[in-house]
Amino acid sequence: MSPVVTAVLVAVAVAALYFIVNPSLAFADAGNGGGDTGATSADGSGTPPPSGRASQFDPLIAQAASAAGIDPVLLKAICAEESGFNPDSINPESDFTLNGVFYTQNDPAGRRLLVAWIKQGNDPASIGLNPSCGIAQVRVSNAKKFIQGLSPWDLFDAATCLEAAAYLIADDGTTVDTADIYNVGHGLNWLRGVRNIPYRTKVQGYYAQFLGDFQ
């Protein structure tokens, strides 16, 4: 046997003896080959933890969703996109004149004054408006379809607005995959193929974020 072969055999024998004495070292990198490291909960159940965002509204969202038979996560995701969970949010939907002063639709000062004016018991229809109001931004005319005797100012109550939104979602058959129905309406626009994909994508992102909020 040549000296080279002898040296190789000795080296192999030494290495084998080393790993027999230290067996854990032979598999030290076994877990680095792409195993699942994306656990979504501390207990390993696969259920994501609560988001902690706007959790004060979760009971109201769950109640409204249950009454209408819809997914509470979808309702919460829509609220996040529509108002950022602001119960006093409003979209006049058009320019308007209030107390003799003209305001553009997106004027922040005009919106604040309009909210205060409606809360004082005034009907926005009297100045030609059908605004989207409250935490879920429900149009007054739509809300009245589902809540008998509703007044416009009632939509600034989170529970009332969520109730109207939940029934609207159920009536339209809105899902996560068709979340933009809530934005473009389930009428002629939708039938003509009008879509708001960026809106839908944002709602879907919030949906993923809120999956653990109603366990």
N, C-alpha and C. Protein backbone atom coordinates (compact mmCIF):
# COMPACT_ATOMS: atom_id res chain seq x y z
N MET A 1 0.86 -1.20 0.00
CA MET A 1 0.00 0.00 0.00
C MET A 1 0.89 1.23 0.00
N SER A 2 0.55 2.18 -0.87
CA SER A 2 1.41 3.36 -0.98
C SER A 2 1.22 4.27 0.22
N PRO A 3 2.21 5.10 0.49
CA PRO A 3 2.10 6.06 1.62
C PRO A 3 0.92 7.00 1.48
N VAL A 4 0.57 7.39 0.24
CA VAL A 4 -0.55 8.34 0.03
C VAL A 4 -1.88 7.70 0.43
N VAL A 5 -2.09 6.45 -0.03
CA VAL A 5 -3.31 5.74 0.31
C VAL A 5 -3.42 5.54 1.80
N THR A 6 -2.31 5.19 2.41
CA THR A 6 -2.30 4.98 3.86
C THR A 6 -2.70 6.25 4.59
N ALA A 7 -2.20 7.39 4.13
CA ALA A 7 -2.50 8.68 4.78
C ALA A 7 -3.99 9.02 4.66
N VAL A 8 -4.58 8.75 3.48
CA VAL A 8 -6.00 9.03 3.28
C VAL A 8 -6.86 8.18 4.20
N LEU A 9 -6.53 6.89 4.30
CA LEU A 9 -7.30 5.99 5.15
C LEU A 9 -7.22 6.40 6.61
N VAL A 10 -6.05 6.84 7.03
CA VAL A 10 -5.89 7.31 8.41
C VAL A 10 -6.76 8.53 8.66
N ALA A 11 -6.81 9.47 7.69
CA ALA A 11 -7.59 10.70 7.85
C ALA A 11 -9.09 10.39 7.94
N VAL A 12 -9.57 9.47 7.09
CA VAL A 12 -10.98 9.08 7.13
C VAL A 12 -11.34 8.45 8.46
N ALA A 13 -10.45 7.60 8.95
CA ALA A 13 -10.69 6.93 10.23
C ALA A 13 -10.76 7.93 11.37
N VAL A 14 -9.88 8.90 11.35
CA VAL A 14 -9.87 9.94 12.40
C VAL A 14 -11.16 10.74 12.36
N ALA A 15 -11.60 11.11 11.14
CA ALA A 15 -12.83 11.91 11.01
C ALA A 15 -14.03 11.12 11.50
N ALA A 16 -14.11 9.85 11.13
CA ALA A 16 -15.22 9.01 11.56
C ALA A 16 -15.28 8.88 13.06
N LEU A 17 -14.10 8.71 13.68
CA LEU A 17 -14.04 8.61 15.13
C LEU A 17 -14.50 9.89 15.80
N TYR A 18 -14.15 11.04 15.19
CA TYR A 18 -14.52 12.35 15.76
C TYR A 18 -16.04 12.52 15.78
N PHE A 19 -16.73 12.16 14.69
CA PHE A 19 -18.18 12.33 14.64
C PHE A 19 -18.92 11.29 15.47
N ILE A 20 -18.27 10.13 15.71
CA ILE A 20 -18.86 9.15 16.63
C ILE A 20 -18.88 9.71 18.04
N VAL A 21 -17.80 10.38 18.41
CA VAL A 21 -17.70 10.99 19.75
C VAL A 21 -18.60 12.21 19.85
N ASN A 22 -18.80 12.97 18.72
CA ASN A 22 -19.59 14.19 18.72
C ASN A 22 -20.71 14.08 17.67
N PRO A 23 -21.70 13.26 17.87
CA PRO A 23 -22.72 12.99 16.83
C PRO A 23 -23.53 14.21 16.43
N SER A 24 -23.76 15.17 17.35
CA SER A 24 -24.60 16.31 17.02
C SER A 24 -23.96 17.19 15.96
N LEU A 25 -22.63 17.19 15.88
CA LEU A 25 -21.94 18.04 14.92
C LEU A 25 -22.12 17.55 13.50
N ALA A 26 -22.41 16.29 13.33
CA ALA A 26 -22.57 15.74 11.98
C ALA A 26 -23.80 16.32 11.29
N PHE A 27 -24.81 16.82 12.09
CA PHE A 27 -26.04 17.36 11.52
C PHE A 27 -26.27 18.80 11.95
N ALA A 28 -25.20 19.55 12.19
CA ALA A 28 -25.32 20.90 12.72
C ALA A 28 -26.06 21.82 11.79
N ASP A 29 -26.02 21.61 10.45
CA ASP A 29 -26.66 22.49 9.50
C ASP A 29 -27.93 21.90 8.90
N ALA A 30 -28.45 20.85 9.51
CA ALA A 30 -29.60 20.15 8.91
C ALA A 30 -30.82 21.03 8.84
N GLY A 31 -30.97 22.02 9.75
CA GLY A 31 -32.17 22.85 9.76
C GLY A 31 -32.06 24.08 8.91
N ASN A 32 -31.03 24.25 8.11
CA ASN A 32 -30.84 25.46 7.33
C ASN A 32 -31.22 25.28 5.86
N GLY A 33 -31.95 24.25 5.55
CA GLY A 33 -32.26 23.98 4.16
C GLY A 33 -33.62 24.45 3.71
N GLY A 34 -34.22 25.44 4.40
CA GLY A 34 -35.50 26.00 3.94
C GLY A 34 -36.68 25.51 4.72
N GLY A 35 -36.51 25.11 5.96
CA GLY A 35 -37.64 24.71 6.79
C GLY A 35 -38.54 25.88 7.07
N ASP A 36 -39.74 25.61 7.61
CA ASP A 36 -40.72 26.65 7.88
C ASP A 36 -40.31 27.46 9.09
N THR A 37 -39.89 28.70 8.83
CA THR A 37 -39.51 29.59 9.93
C THR A 37 -40.50 30.74 10.04
N GLY A 38 -41.61 30.68 9.32
CA GLY A 38 -42.57 31.78 9.32
C GLY A 38 -43.76 31.51 10.20
N ALA A 39 -43.54 31.04 11.40
CA ALA A 39 -44.65 30.77 12.32
C ALA A 39 -45.45 32.03 12.55
N THR A 40 -46.77 31.91 12.61
CA THR A 40 -47.63 33.07 12.74
C THR A 40 -48.15 33.29 14.15
N SER A 41 -47.83 32.38 15.06
CA SER A 41 -48.26 32.58 16.44
C SER A 41 -47.24 31.96 17.38
N ALA A 42 -47.26 32.45 18.62
CA ALA A 42 -46.28 32.00 19.60
C ALA A 42 -46.45 30.53 19.95
N ASP A 43 -47.69 30.03 19.88
CA ASP A 43 -47.91 28.63 20.25
C ASP A 43 -47.80 27.68 19.07
N GLY A 44 -47.44 28.22 17.90
CA GLY A 44 -47.24 27.38 16.73
C GLY A 44 -48.53 26.87 16.12
N SER A 45 -49.68 27.46 16.46
CA SER A 45 -50.96 26.96 15.96
C SER A 45 -51.21 27.36 14.52
N GLY A 46 -50.47 28.32 14.02
CA GLY A 46 -50.69 28.79 12.66
C GLY A 46 -51.68 29.92 12.57
N THR A 47 -52.36 30.27 13.65
CA THR A 47 -53.29 31.39 13.67
C THR A 47 -52.53 32.67 14.00
N PRO A 48 -52.64 33.69 13.16
CA PRO A 48 -51.89 34.92 13.44
C PRO A 48 -52.39 35.58 14.71
N PRO A 49 -51.54 36.31 15.38
CA PRO A 49 -51.95 37.01 16.61
C PRO A 49 -52.82 38.20 16.27
N PRO A 50 -53.58 38.72 17.24
CA PRO A 50 -54.39 39.92 17.00
C PRO A 50 -53.51 41.08 16.56
N SER A 51 -54.03 41.90 15.66
CA SER A 51 -53.25 43.02 15.15
C SER A 51 -53.07 44.11 16.19
N GLY A 52 -54.04 44.24 17.10
CA GLY A 52 -53.98 45.30 18.09
C GLY A 52 -54.42 46.64 17.55
N ARG A 53 -54.81 46.71 16.29
CA ARG A 53 -55.21 47.98 15.70
C ARG A 53 -56.71 48.19 15.85
N ALA A 54 -57.08 49.35 16.37
CA ALA A 54 -58.49 49.73 16.52
C ALA A 54 -59.29 48.64 17.22
N SER A 55 -58.68 47.98 18.18
CA SER A 55 -59.35 46.85 18.85
C SER A 55 -60.58 47.29 19.64
N GLN A 56 -60.68 48.59 19.95
CA GLN A 56 -61.85 49.06 20.69
C GLN A 56 -63.13 48.91 19.86
N PHE A 57 -62.96 48.80 18.54
CA PHE A 57 -64.14 48.64 17.68
C PHE A 57 -64.44 47.17 17.36
N ASP A 58 -63.57 46.27 17.75
CA ASP A 58 -63.76 44.86 17.39
C ASP A 58 -65.09 44.28 17.87
N PRO A 59 -65.53 44.54 19.12
CA PRO A 59 -66.82 43.99 19.54
C PRO A 59 -67.99 44.50 18.68
N LEU A 60 -67.96 45.79 18.32
CA LEU A 60 -69.03 46.34 17.50
C LEU A 60 -68.98 45.76 16.09
N ILE A 61 -67.77 45.58 15.56
CA ILE A 61 -67.62 44.99 14.24
C ILE A 61 -68.13 43.56 14.24
N ALA A 62 -67.74 42.79 15.27
CA ALA A 62 -68.18 41.40 15.37
C ALA A 62 -69.70 41.30 15.48
N GLN A 63 -70.30 42.18 16.25
CA GLN A 63 -71.75 42.17 16.43
C GLN A 63 -72.46 42.49 15.12
N ALA A 64 -72.02 43.52 14.43
CA ALA A 64 -72.65 43.92 13.17
C ALA A 64 -72.48 42.83 12.12
N ALA A 65 -71.29 42.26 12.05
CA ALA A 65 -71.01 41.22 11.06
C ALA A 65 -71.85 39.98 11.32
N SER A 66 -71.98 39.61 12.59
CA SER A 66 -72.78 38.44 12.94
C SER A 66 -74.25 38.63 12.56
N ALA A 67 -74.78 39.82 12.83
CA ALA A 67 -76.19 40.10 12.52
C ALA A 67 -76.47 40.02 11.02
N ALA A 68 -75.47 40.46 10.22
CA ALA A 68 -75.66 40.47 8.77
C ALA A 68 -75.15 39.20 8.10
N GLY A 69 -74.48 38.34 8.88
CA GLY A 69 -73.97 37.09 8.32
C GLY A 69 -72.78 37.28 7.40
N ILE A 70 -71.90 38.23 7.75
CA ILE A 70 -70.71 38.46 6.92
C ILE A 70 -69.44 38.25 7.73
N ASP A 71 -68.32 38.31 7.05
CA ASP A 71 -67.01 38.11 7.66
C ASP A 71 -66.59 39.39 8.40
N PRO A 72 -66.37 39.33 9.72
CA PRO A 72 -65.97 40.54 10.45
C PRO A 72 -64.61 41.07 10.01
N VAL A 73 -63.73 40.20 9.57
CA VAL A 73 -62.41 40.64 9.12
C VAL A 73 -62.56 41.53 7.89
N LEU A 74 -63.46 41.16 6.99
CA LEU A 74 -63.70 41.98 5.80
C LEU A 74 -64.27 43.34 6.18
N LEU A 75 -65.21 43.36 7.11
CA LEU A 75 -65.80 44.63 7.55
C LEU A 75 -64.73 45.52 8.17
N LYS A 76 -63.87 44.95 8.99
CA LYS A 76 -62.82 45.76 9.60
C LYS A 76 -61.83 46.27 8.56
N ALA A 77 -61.50 45.42 7.59
CA ALA A 77 -60.56 45.84 6.55
C ALA A 77 -61.12 46.99 5.73
N ILE A 78 -62.42 46.95 5.45
CA ILE A 78 -63.05 48.03 4.70
C ILE A 78 -63.06 49.31 5.51
N CYS A 79 -63.32 49.22 6.82
CA CYS A 79 -63.28 50.41 7.67
C CYS A 79 -61.89 51.03 7.69
N ALA A 80 -60.87 50.19 7.72
CA ALA A 80 -59.50 50.69 7.74
C ALA A 80 -59.21 51.49 6.50
N GLU A 81 -59.65 51.01 5.36
CA GLU A 81 -59.41 51.71 4.09
C GLU A 81 -60.31 52.93 3.93
N GLU A 82 -61.55 52.82 4.36
CA GLU A 82 -62.51 53.89 4.14
C GLU A 82 -62.26 55.12 5.02
N SER A 83 -61.97 54.89 6.30
CA SER A 83 -61.88 56.03 7.22
C SER A 83 -60.69 56.00 8.15
N GLY A 84 -59.91 54.91 8.13
CA GLY A 84 -58.86 54.78 9.13
C GLY A 84 -59.43 54.68 10.53
N PHE A 85 -60.67 54.17 10.63
CA PHE A 85 -61.39 53.98 11.90
C PHE A 85 -61.75 55.31 12.57
N ASN A 86 -62.09 56.29 11.76
CA ASN A 86 -62.52 57.60 12.27
C ASN A 86 -64.05 57.68 12.19
N PRO A 87 -64.75 57.62 13.33
CA PRO A 87 -66.22 57.66 13.31
C PRO A 87 -66.78 58.97 12.77
N ASP A 88 -65.98 60.04 12.79
CA ASP A 88 -66.45 61.34 12.31
C ASP A 88 -66.01 61.63 10.88
N SER A 89 -65.58 60.61 10.18
CA SER A 89 -65.15 60.80 8.79
C SER A 89 -66.35 61.11 7.89
N ILE A 90 -66.09 61.91 6.86
CA ILE A 90 -67.16 62.22 5.90
C ILE A 90 -66.56 62.48 4.53
N ASN A 91 -67.28 62.10 3.52
CA ASN A 91 -66.97 62.46 2.14
C ASN A 91 -68.23 63.08 1.56
N PRO A 92 -68.22 64.38 1.32
CA PRO A 92 -69.44 65.03 0.79
C PRO A 92 -69.85 64.49 -0.57
N GLU A 93 -68.92 63.90 -1.31
CA GLU A 93 -69.16 63.34 -2.64
C GLU A 93 -69.30 64.40 -3.73
N SER A 94 -69.36 65.67 -3.34
CA SER A 94 -69.39 66.76 -4.31
C SER A 94 -69.08 68.07 -3.58
N ASP A 95 -68.81 69.11 -4.33
CA ASP A 95 -68.62 70.44 -3.73
C ASP A 95 -69.95 70.89 -3.13
N PHE A 96 -69.88 71.83 -2.18
CA PHE A 96 -71.13 72.24 -1.52
C PHE A 96 -71.00 73.65 -0.95
N THR A 97 -72.14 74.23 -0.67
CA THR A 97 -72.21 75.54 -0.02
C THR A 97 -72.91 75.37 1.31
N LEU A 98 -72.25 75.83 2.37
CA LEU A 98 -72.80 75.72 3.72
C LEU A 98 -72.77 77.08 4.39
N ASN A 99 -73.93 77.53 4.84
CA ASN A 99 -74.06 78.84 5.48
C ASN A 99 -73.49 79.95 4.60
N GLY A 100 -73.76 79.83 3.31
CA GLY A 100 -73.35 80.87 2.38
C GLY A 100 -71.90 80.81 1.93
N VAL A 101 -71.15 79.80 2.39
CA VAL A 101 -69.72 79.67 2.03
C VAL A 101 -69.55 78.44 1.15
N PHE A 102 -68.83 78.60 0.04
CA PHE A 102 -68.59 77.51 -0.88
C PHE A 102 -67.37 76.70 -0.46
N TYR A 103 -67.49 75.38 -0.48
CA TYR A 103 -66.37 74.49 -0.14
C TYR A 103 -66.22 73.43 -1.24
N THR A 104 -64.98 73.13 -1.57
CA THR A 104 -64.75 72.00 -2.48
C THR A 104 -64.92 70.70 -1.71
N GLN A 105 -65.13 69.65 -2.43
CA GLN A 105 -65.39 68.34 -1.82
C GLN A 105 -64.30 67.92 -0.85
N ASN A 106 -63.06 68.22 -1.17
CA ASN A 106 -61.93 67.73 -0.36
C ASN A 106 -61.38 68.77 0.61
N ASP A 107 -62.09 69.85 0.82
CA ASP A 107 -61.63 70.88 1.75
C ASP A 107 -61.76 70.37 3.18
N PRO A 108 -60.64 70.19 3.91
CA PRO A 108 -60.72 69.65 5.29
C PRO A 108 -61.57 70.50 6.22
N ALA A 109 -61.44 71.83 6.11
CA ALA A 109 -62.23 72.71 6.97
C ALA A 109 -63.71 72.57 6.66
N GLY A 110 -64.02 72.51 5.38
CA GLY A 110 -65.42 72.35 5.00
C GLY A 110 -65.99 71.03 5.48
N ARG A 111 -65.21 69.98 5.43
CA ARG A 111 -65.67 68.67 5.91
C ARG A 111 -65.95 68.71 7.41
N ARG A 112 -65.05 69.33 8.17
CA ARG A 112 -65.27 69.42 9.63
C ARG A 112 -66.54 70.19 9.95
N LEU A 113 -66.74 71.29 9.24
CA LEU A 113 -67.95 72.09 9.47
C LEU A 113 -69.20 71.32 9.07
N LEU A 114 -69.10 70.54 8.01
CA LEU A 114 -70.25 69.77 7.55
C LEU A 114 -70.62 68.70 8.57
N VAL A 115 -69.63 68.04 9.14
CA VAL A 115 -69.91 67.04 10.18
C VAL A 115 -70.62 67.68 11.37
N ALA A 116 -70.08 68.81 11.84
CA ALA A 116 -70.69 69.49 12.98
C ALA A 116 -72.11 69.94 12.66
N TRP A 117 -72.32 70.40 11.46
CA TRP A 117 -73.64 70.88 11.03
C TRP A 117 -74.64 69.73 10.98
N ILE A 118 -74.23 68.60 10.45
CA ILE A 118 -75.13 67.43 10.41
C ILE A 118 -75.42 66.93 11.83
N LYS A 119 -74.40 66.91 12.69
CA LYS A 119 -74.60 66.46 14.07
C LYS A 119 -75.56 67.37 14.83
N GLN A 120 -75.71 68.59 14.37
CA GLN A 120 -76.66 69.51 15.01
C GLN A 120 -78.10 69.20 14.61
N GLY A 121 -78.27 68.20 13.74
CA GLY A 121 -79.62 67.78 13.36
C GLY A 121 -80.05 68.24 11.99
N ASN A 122 -79.09 68.68 11.16
CA ASN A 122 -79.41 69.16 9.83
C ASN A 122 -79.28 68.03 8.80
N ASP A 123 -80.14 68.07 7.81
CA ASP A 123 -80.14 67.04 6.77
C ASP A 123 -79.30 67.50 5.59
N PRO A 124 -78.24 66.77 5.23
CA PRO A 124 -77.40 67.19 4.10
C PRO A 124 -78.16 67.25 2.78
N ALA A 125 -79.27 66.52 2.67
CA ALA A 125 -80.06 66.59 1.44
C ALA A 125 -80.60 68.00 1.20
N SER A 126 -80.74 68.78 2.28
CA SER A 126 -81.26 70.13 2.15
C SER A 126 -80.29 71.06 1.44
N ILE A 127 -79.00 70.66 1.34
CA ILE A 127 -78.04 71.44 0.57
C ILE A 127 -77.51 70.61 -0.61
N GLY A 128 -78.30 69.62 -0.99
CA GLY A 128 -77.99 68.85 -2.19
C GLY A 128 -76.93 67.79 -2.05
N LEU A 129 -76.70 67.31 -0.82
CA LEU A 129 -75.65 66.31 -0.60
C LEU A 129 -76.22 64.96 -0.19
N ASN A 130 -75.53 63.92 -0.59
CA ASN A 130 -75.79 62.55 -0.14
C ASN A 130 -74.44 61.98 0.29
N PRO A 131 -73.92 62.46 1.42
CA PRO A 131 -72.53 62.15 1.79
C PRO A 131 -72.34 60.72 2.29
N SER A 132 -71.10 60.27 2.21
CA SER A 132 -70.69 59.02 2.84
C SER A 132 -70.16 59.37 4.22
N CYS A 133 -70.71 58.73 5.25
CA CYS A 133 -70.43 59.16 6.62
C CYS A 133 -69.95 58.02 7.50
N GLY A 134 -69.17 58.39 8.51
CA GLY A 134 -68.85 57.49 9.60
C GLY A 134 -67.68 56.57 9.36
N ILE A 135 -67.50 55.66 10.30
CA ILE A 135 -66.35 54.78 10.33
C ILE A 135 -66.26 53.88 9.10
N ALA A 136 -67.41 53.56 8.50
CA ALA A 136 -67.42 52.70 7.31
C ALA A 136 -67.81 53.46 6.05
N GLN A 137 -67.97 54.79 6.18
CA GLN A 137 -68.28 55.64 5.03
C GLN A 137 -69.47 55.12 4.22
N VAL A 138 -70.61 55.03 4.90
CA VAL A 138 -71.83 54.59 4.25
C VAL A 138 -72.61 55.82 3.78
N ARG A 139 -73.04 55.79 2.53
CA ARG A 139 -73.87 56.88 2.04
C ARG A 139 -75.21 56.89 2.77
N VAL A 140 -75.70 58.09 3.03
CA VAL A 140 -76.94 58.23 3.78
C VAL A 140 -78.07 57.47 3.10
N SER A 141 -78.18 57.60 1.79
CA SER A 141 -79.27 56.93 1.07
C SER A 141 -79.16 55.42 1.18
N ASN A 142 -77.96 54.87 1.16
CA ASN A 142 -77.79 53.42 1.30
C ASN A 142 -78.14 52.95 2.70
N ALA A 143 -77.70 53.71 3.70
CA ALA A 143 -77.97 53.33 5.09
C ALA A 143 -79.47 53.27 5.36
N LYS A 144 -80.21 54.19 4.76
CA LYS A 144 -81.66 54.22 5.00
C LYS A 144 -82.37 53.00 4.43
N LYS A 145 -81.73 52.30 3.50
CA LYS A 145 -82.32 51.08 2.95
C LYS A 145 -82.34 49.95 3.97
N PHE A 146 -81.41 50.02 4.91
CA PHE A 146 -81.23 48.89 5.83
C PHE A 146 -81.62 49.20 7.28
N ILE A 147 -81.67 50.48 7.63
CA ILE A 147 -82.02 50.86 9.00
C ILE A 147 -83.21 51.80 8.95
N GLN A 148 -84.35 51.29 9.35
CA GLN A 148 -85.58 52.08 9.29
C GLN A 148 -85.50 53.26 10.26
N GLY A 149 -85.91 54.43 9.79
CA GLY A 149 -85.94 55.62 10.63
C GLY A 149 -84.59 56.26 10.86
N LEU A 150 -83.56 55.84 10.12
CA LEU A 150 -82.23 56.40 10.30
C LEU A 150 -82.17 57.85 9.88
N SER A 151 -81.48 58.66 10.67
CA SER A 151 -81.19 60.04 10.33
C SER A 151 -79.72 60.16 9.96
N PRO A 152 -79.35 61.14 9.13
CA PRO A 152 -77.95 61.24 8.69
C PRO A 152 -76.95 61.27 9.83
N TRP A 153 -77.26 61.97 10.90
CA TRP A 153 -76.32 62.10 12.01
C TRP A 153 -76.12 60.78 12.76
N ASP A 154 -77.03 59.84 12.58
CA ASP A 154 -76.87 58.54 13.23
C ASP A 154 -75.63 57.80 12.73
N LEU A 155 -75.19 58.11 11.51
CA LEU A 155 -74.05 57.40 10.94
C LEU A 155 -72.73 57.76 11.61
N PHE A 156 -72.71 58.81 12.40
CA PHE A 156 -71.50 59.15 13.14
C PHE A 156 -71.39 58.35 14.44
N ASP A 157 -72.41 57.54 14.70
CA ASP A 157 -72.34 56.55 15.78
C ASP A 157 -71.76 55.29 15.18
N ALA A 158 -70.64 54.83 15.71
CA ALA A 158 -69.91 53.71 15.09
C ALA A 158 -70.77 52.46 14.97
N ALA A 159 -71.53 52.14 16.00
CA ALA A 159 -72.35 50.92 15.97
C ALA A 159 -73.39 50.98 14.85
N THR A 160 -74.03 52.14 14.70
CA THR A 160 -75.04 52.30 13.66
C THR A 160 -74.43 52.22 12.27
N CYS A 161 -73.31 52.89 12.10
CA CYS A 161 -72.64 52.89 10.80
C CYS A 161 -72.16 51.49 10.42
N LEU A 162 -71.61 50.78 11.39
CA LEU A 162 -71.15 49.41 11.14
C LEU A 162 -72.31 48.49 10.79
N GLU A 163 -73.44 48.69 11.44
CA GLU A 163 -74.62 47.89 11.13
C GLU A 163 -75.05 48.11 9.68
N ALA A 164 -75.12 49.37 9.27
CA ALA A 164 -75.50 49.69 7.90
C ALA A 164 -74.50 49.12 6.90
N ALA A 165 -73.21 49.25 7.22
CA ALA A 165 -72.17 48.75 6.32
C ALA A 165 -72.24 47.24 6.18
N ALA A 166 -72.47 46.54 7.28
CA ALA A 166 -72.53 45.08 7.25
C ALA A 166 -73.67 44.59 6.37
N TYR A 167 -74.83 45.23 6.50
CA TYR A 167 -75.97 44.83 5.66
C TYR A 167 -75.74 45.19 4.20
N LEU A 168 -75.05 46.30 3.96
CA LEU A 168 -74.72 46.68 2.58
C LEU A 168 -73.77 45.66 1.95
N ILE A 169 -72.77 45.23 2.72
CA ILE A 169 -71.82 44.22 2.24
C ILE A 169 -72.54 42.91 1.94
N ALA A 170 -73.45 42.52 2.84
CA ALA A 170 -74.21 41.29 2.62
C ALA A 170 -75.11 41.40 1.40
N ASP A 171 -75.75 42.54 1.25
CA ASP A 171 -76.68 42.74 0.14
C ASP A 171 -75.96 42.72 -1.21
N ASP A 172 -74.76 43.29 -1.25
CA ASP A 172 -73.98 43.33 -2.49
C ASP A 172 -73.23 42.03 -2.75
N GLY A 173 -73.14 41.17 -1.75
CA GLY A 173 -72.37 39.94 -1.91
C GLY A 173 -70.87 40.20 -1.99
N THR A 174 -70.43 41.25 -1.33
CA THR A 174 -69.02 41.64 -1.38
C THR A 174 -68.15 40.61 -0.68
N THR A 175 -67.02 40.27 -1.30
CA THR A 175 -66.04 39.36 -0.72
C THR A 175 -64.68 40.02 -0.75
N VAL A 176 -63.69 39.34 -0.22
CA VAL A 176 -62.32 39.87 -0.26
C VAL A 176 -61.87 40.04 -1.72
N ASP A 177 -62.27 39.11 -2.56
CA ASP A 177 -61.85 39.16 -3.96
C ASP A 177 -62.60 40.21 -4.77
N THR A 178 -63.73 40.67 -4.24
CA THR A 178 -64.50 41.71 -4.93
C THR A 178 -64.72 42.90 -4.00
N ALA A 179 -63.74 43.19 -3.18
CA ALA A 179 -63.89 44.24 -2.16
C ALA A 179 -64.17 45.60 -2.76
N ASP A 180 -63.76 45.82 -4.01
CA ASP A 180 -63.97 47.14 -4.62
C ASP A 180 -65.43 47.39 -4.98
N ILE A 181 -66.30 46.37 -4.86
CA ILE A 181 -67.74 46.65 -4.99
C ILE A 181 -68.14 47.73 -4.00
N TYR A 182 -67.56 47.67 -2.81
CA TYR A 182 -67.92 48.63 -1.76
C TYR A 182 -67.58 50.05 -2.19
N ASN A 183 -66.58 50.19 -3.04
CA ASN A 183 -66.14 51.50 -3.49
C ASN A 183 -66.87 51.98 -4.74
N VAL A 184 -67.03 51.11 -5.72
CA VAL A 184 -67.63 51.53 -6.99
C VAL A 184 -69.14 51.30 -7.04
N GLY A 185 -69.65 50.48 -6.11
CA GLY A 185 -71.07 50.20 -6.07
C GLY A 185 -71.45 49.00 -6.91
N HIS A 186 -72.42 48.24 -6.43
CA HIS A 186 -72.85 47.04 -7.12
C HIS A 186 -74.06 47.38 -7.99
N GLY A 187 -73.82 48.31 -8.91
CA GLY A 187 -74.89 48.73 -9.81
C GLY A 187 -74.39 48.80 -11.23
N LEU A 188 -74.78 49.86 -11.94
CA LEU A 188 -74.39 49.99 -13.34
C LEU A 188 -72.89 50.05 -13.52
N ASN A 189 -72.20 50.74 -12.60
CA ASN A 189 -70.74 50.83 -12.73
C ASN A 189 -70.12 49.43 -12.75
N TRP A 190 -70.52 48.61 -11.78
CA TRP A 190 -69.95 47.25 -11.68
C TRP A 190 -70.33 46.42 -12.90
N LEU A 191 -71.58 46.54 -13.33
CA LEU A 191 -72.03 45.78 -14.49
C LEU A 191 -71.31 46.19 -15.76
N ARG A 192 -70.90 47.46 -15.82
CA ARG A 192 -70.15 47.94 -16.99
C ARG A 192 -68.67 47.59 -16.91
N GLY A 193 -68.27 46.97 -15.81
CA GLY A 193 -66.87 46.56 -15.69
C GLY A 193 -65.96 47.55 -14.99
N VAL A 194 -66.58 48.53 -14.32
CA VAL A 194 -65.77 49.50 -13.57
C VAL A 194 -65.18 48.81 -12.35
N ARG A 195 -63.88 48.90 -12.17
CA ARG A 195 -63.20 48.29 -11.03
C ARG A 195 -62.25 49.30 -10.40
N ASN A 196 -61.94 49.08 -9.14
CA ASN A 196 -60.93 49.88 -8.44
C ASN A 196 -59.94 48.90 -7.82
N ILE A 197 -58.99 48.46 -8.63
CA ILE A 197 -58.05 47.43 -8.20
C ILE A 197 -57.16 47.91 -7.06
N PRO A 198 -56.64 49.16 -7.10
CA PRO A 198 -55.82 49.61 -5.95
C PRO A 198 -56.60 49.57 -4.64
N TYR A 199 -57.88 49.94 -4.67
CA TYR A 199 -58.71 49.86 -3.47
C TYR A 199 -58.81 48.42 -2.99
N ARG A 200 -59.12 47.51 -3.91
CA ARG A 200 -59.24 46.10 -3.54
C ARG A 200 -57.95 45.57 -2.94
N THR A 201 -56.82 45.94 -3.53
CA THR A 201 -55.53 45.48 -3.03
C THR A 201 -55.27 45.97 -1.61
N LYS A 202 -55.63 47.21 -1.33
CA LYS A 202 -55.44 47.76 0.02
C LYS A 202 -56.32 47.02 1.03
N VAL A 203 -57.57 46.78 0.66
CA VAL A 203 -58.47 46.05 1.56
C VAL A 203 -57.94 44.64 1.82
N GLN A 204 -57.44 44.00 0.79
CA GLN A 204 -56.87 42.66 0.95
C GLN A 204 -55.66 42.68 1.88
N GLY A 205 -54.86 43.74 1.80
CA GLY A 205 -53.72 43.87 2.70
C GLY A 205 -54.16 44.01 4.14
N TYR A 206 -55.18 44.84 4.37
CA TYR A 206 -55.71 44.98 5.72
C TYR A 206 -56.33 43.67 6.20
N TYR A 207 -57.00 42.97 5.29
CA TYR A 207 -57.61 41.69 5.65
C TYR A 207 -56.56 40.72 6.20
N ALA A 208 -55.43 40.63 5.54
CA ALA A 208 -54.36 39.76 6.01
C ALA A 208 -53.84 40.22 7.37
N GLN A 209 -53.82 41.52 7.57
CA GLN A 209 -53.33 42.07 8.84
C GLN A 209 -54.27 41.77 10.00
N PHE A 210 -55.58 41.69 9.73
CA PHE A 210 -56.59 41.56 10.79
C PHE A 210 -57.08 40.13 10.98
N LEU A 211 -56.49 39.17 10.32
CA LEU A 211 -56.99 37.79 10.35
C LEU A 211 -57.10 37.23 11.76
N GLY A 212 -56.23 37.66 12.67
CA GLY A 212 -56.25 37.11 14.02
C GLY A 212 -57.10 37.89 15.01
N ASP A 213 -57.86 38.87 14.53
CA ASP A 213 -58.59 39.76 15.45
C ASP A 213 -59.93 39.22 15.93
N PHE A 214 -60.44 38.17 15.30
CA PHE A 214 -61.78 37.68 15.66
C PHE A 214 -61.74 36.16 15.86
N GLN A 215 -60.83 35.70 16.69
CA GLN A 215 -60.66 34.27 16.93
C GLN A 215 -61.73 33.75 17.89
